[in-house]
């Protein structure tokens, strides 16, 4: 019978926030900035619409 040996641990590199790839990091930053801009636009829209509805009309 063959002697059982546990599988050898191999070093596997996972991309983590601390070791970003240059391209993916730049893409992620652009995506985050775009998401923030969209969020701000939506927020401004709701604020403006809220104030326009809440102000008394003469």
N, C-alpha and C. Protein backbone atom coordinates (compact mmCIF):
# COMPACT_ATOMS: atom_id res chain seq x y z
N UNK A 1 0.84 -1.19 0.00
CA UNK A 1 0.00 0.00 0.00
C UNK A 1 0.88 1.24 0.00
N UNK A 2 0.36 2.24 -0.67
CA UNK A 2 1.10 3.50 -0.73
C UNK A 2 0.89 4.28 0.56
N UNK A 3 1.95 4.84 1.07
CA UNK A 3 1.85 5.62 2.31
C UNK A 3 1.14 6.93 2.00
N UNK A 4 0.18 7.26 2.87
CA UNK A 4 -0.57 8.50 2.65
C UNK A 4 0.28 9.70 3.03
N UNK A 5 0.36 10.68 2.15
CA UNK A 5 1.08 11.92 2.49
C UNK A 5 0.15 13.09 2.23
N UNK A 6 0.05 13.99 3.19
CA UNK A 6 -0.83 15.15 2.98
C UNK A 6 -0.35 16.00 1.82
N UNK A 7 -1.25 16.66 1.13
CA UNK A 7 -0.82 17.49 0.00
C UNK A 7 0.08 18.63 0.46
N UNK A 8 1.07 18.88 -0.33
CA UNK A 8 2.02 19.94 0.02
C UNK A 8 1.38 21.31 -0.18
N UNK A 9 1.64 22.19 0.78
CA UNK A 9 1.10 23.55 0.66
C UNK A 9 1.96 24.32 -0.33
N UNK A 10 1.30 24.92 -1.27
CA UNK A 10 1.98 25.67 -2.30
C UNK A 10 1.68 27.15 -2.08
N UNK A 11 2.65 28.00 -2.30
CA UNK A 11 2.38 29.43 -2.13
C UNK A 11 1.53 29.92 -3.29
N UNK A 12 0.40 30.50 -2.96
CA UNK A 12 -0.48 31.05 -3.99
C UNK A 12 -0.64 32.53 -3.68
N UNK A 13 -0.44 33.35 -4.69
CA UNK A 13 -0.54 34.79 -4.45
C UNK A 13 -1.94 35.26 -4.84
N UNK A 14 -2.62 35.84 -3.88
CA UNK A 14 -3.93 36.41 -4.13
C UNK A 14 -3.79 37.92 -4.22
N UNK A 15 -4.51 38.56 -5.12
CA UNK A 15 -4.44 40.02 -5.15
C UNK A 15 -5.17 40.60 -3.94
N UNK A 16 -4.46 41.36 -3.16
CA UNK A 16 -5.06 41.99 -1.97
C UNK A 16 -4.98 43.49 -2.14
N UNK A 17 -5.72 44.23 -1.34
CA UNK A 17 -5.64 45.70 -1.44
C UNK A 17 -4.23 46.23 -1.19
N UNK A 18 -3.40 45.43 -0.48
CA UNK A 18 -2.06 45.92 -0.15
C UNK A 18 -1.08 45.67 -1.28
N UNK A 19 -1.39 44.75 -2.18
CA UNK A 19 -0.51 44.51 -3.32
C UNK A 19 -1.32 44.59 -4.60
N UNK A 20 -1.77 45.78 -4.96
CA UNK A 20 -2.63 45.89 -6.15
C UNK A 20 -1.81 45.83 -7.43
N UNK A 21 -2.46 45.36 -8.46
CA UNK A 21 -1.84 45.44 -9.78
C UNK A 21 -2.06 46.85 -10.30
N UNK A 22 -1.07 47.42 -10.99
CA UNK A 22 -1.20 48.83 -11.42
C UNK A 22 -2.46 49.10 -12.24
N UNK A 23 -2.76 48.22 -13.19
CA UNK A 23 -3.91 48.47 -14.06
C UNK A 23 -5.22 48.35 -13.30
N UNK A 24 -5.37 47.26 -12.57
CA UNK A 24 -6.63 47.04 -11.87
C UNK A 24 -6.84 48.11 -10.80
N UNK A 25 -5.76 48.56 -10.19
CA UNK A 25 -5.88 49.61 -9.18
C UNK A 25 -6.41 50.89 -9.81
N UNK A 26 -5.87 51.25 -10.97
CA UNK A 26 -6.33 52.46 -11.65
C UNK A 26 -7.79 52.31 -12.07
N UNK A 27 -8.15 51.15 -12.59
CA UNK A 27 -9.55 50.92 -12.99
C UNK A 27 -10.47 51.02 -11.79
N UNK A 28 -10.05 50.45 -10.67
CA UNK A 28 -10.88 50.50 -9.47
C UNK A 28 -11.05 51.93 -8.99
N UNK A 29 -9.98 52.72 -9.04
CA UNK A 29 -10.07 54.12 -8.61
C UNK A 29 -11.03 54.88 -9.51
N UNK A 30 -10.93 54.65 -10.82
CA UNK A 30 -11.84 55.33 -11.74
C UNK A 30 -13.29 54.93 -11.47
N UNK A 31 -13.51 53.65 -11.24
CA UNK A 31 -14.86 53.16 -10.96
C UNK A 31 -15.40 53.78 -9.67
N UNK A 32 -14.54 53.88 -8.65
CA UNK A 32 -14.97 54.47 -7.38
C UNK A 32 -15.32 55.94 -7.58
N UNK A 33 -14.50 56.66 -8.34
CA UNK A 33 -14.77 58.08 -8.58
C UNK A 33 -16.08 58.25 -9.34
N UNK A 34 -16.31 57.42 -10.35
CA UNK A 34 -17.56 57.50 -11.13
C UNK A 34 -18.74 57.21 -10.22
N UNK A 35 -18.62 56.20 -9.36
CA UNK A 35 -19.71 55.88 -8.44
C UNK A 35 -19.98 57.03 -7.50
N UNK A 36 -18.93 57.69 -7.02
CA UNK A 36 -19.11 58.83 -6.12
C UNK A 36 -19.80 59.98 -6.84
N UNK A 37 -19.43 60.23 -8.09
CA UNK A 37 -20.05 61.32 -8.85
C UNK A 37 -21.53 61.03 -9.06
N UNK A 38 -21.85 59.80 -9.44
CA UNK A 38 -23.25 59.43 -9.64
C UNK A 38 -24.02 59.57 -8.34
N UNK A 39 -23.42 59.12 -7.24
CA UNK A 39 -24.08 59.23 -5.94
C UNK A 39 -24.34 60.69 -5.59
N UNK A 40 -23.35 61.55 -5.83
CA UNK A 40 -23.52 62.97 -5.53
C UNK A 40 -24.60 63.60 -6.40
N UNK A 41 -24.64 63.22 -7.68
CA UNK A 41 -25.68 63.76 -8.56
C UNK A 41 -27.07 63.36 -8.07
N UNK A 42 -27.22 62.11 -7.68
CA UNK A 42 -28.52 61.65 -7.19
C UNK A 42 -28.88 62.37 -5.90
N UNK A 43 -27.90 62.53 -5.02
CA UNK A 43 -28.13 63.22 -3.76
C UNK A 43 -28.55 64.67 -4.02
N UNK A 44 -27.85 65.35 -4.91
CA UNK A 44 -28.19 66.74 -5.24
C UNK A 44 -29.60 66.81 -5.84
N UNK A 45 -29.93 65.86 -6.68
CA UNK A 45 -31.27 65.85 -7.28
C UNK A 45 -32.34 65.76 -6.20
N UNK A 46 -32.15 64.86 -5.24
CA UNK A 46 -33.14 64.71 -4.19
C UNK A 46 -33.21 65.95 -3.30
N UNK A 47 -32.07 66.55 -3.01
CA UNK A 47 -32.07 67.76 -2.18
C UNK A 47 -32.80 68.88 -2.90
N UNK A 48 -32.50 69.09 -4.16
CA UNK A 48 -33.14 70.16 -4.93
C UNK A 48 -34.63 69.90 -5.06
N UNK A 49 -35.01 68.68 -5.36
CA UNK A 49 -36.44 68.39 -5.50
C UNK A 49 -37.15 68.52 -4.16
N UNK A 50 -36.49 68.14 -3.09
CA UNK A 50 -37.11 68.28 -1.77
C UNK A 50 -37.36 69.75 -1.46
N UNK A 51 -36.35 70.60 -1.69
CA UNK A 51 -36.52 72.02 -1.38
C UNK A 51 -37.53 72.68 -2.31
N UNK A 52 -37.57 72.25 -3.54
CA UNK A 52 -38.52 72.86 -4.47
C UNK A 52 -39.95 72.48 -4.09
N UNK A 53 -40.16 71.29 -3.53
CA UNK A 53 -41.50 70.89 -3.12
C UNK A 53 -41.86 71.46 -1.75
N UNK A 54 -40.87 71.67 -0.91
CA UNK A 54 -41.16 72.08 0.46
C UNK A 54 -41.32 73.60 0.60
N UNK A 55 -40.81 74.38 -0.35
CA UNK A 55 -40.95 75.84 -0.23
C UNK A 55 -42.38 76.24 -0.58
N UNK A 56 -42.95 77.14 0.19
CA UNK A 56 -44.32 77.59 -0.13
C UNK A 56 -44.34 78.40 -1.42
N UNK A 57 -45.31 78.14 -2.24
CA UNK A 57 -45.41 78.86 -3.52
C UNK A 57 -46.36 80.04 -3.35
N UNK A 58 -45.93 81.21 -3.82
CA UNK A 58 -46.76 82.43 -3.68
C UNK A 58 -47.58 82.65 -4.93
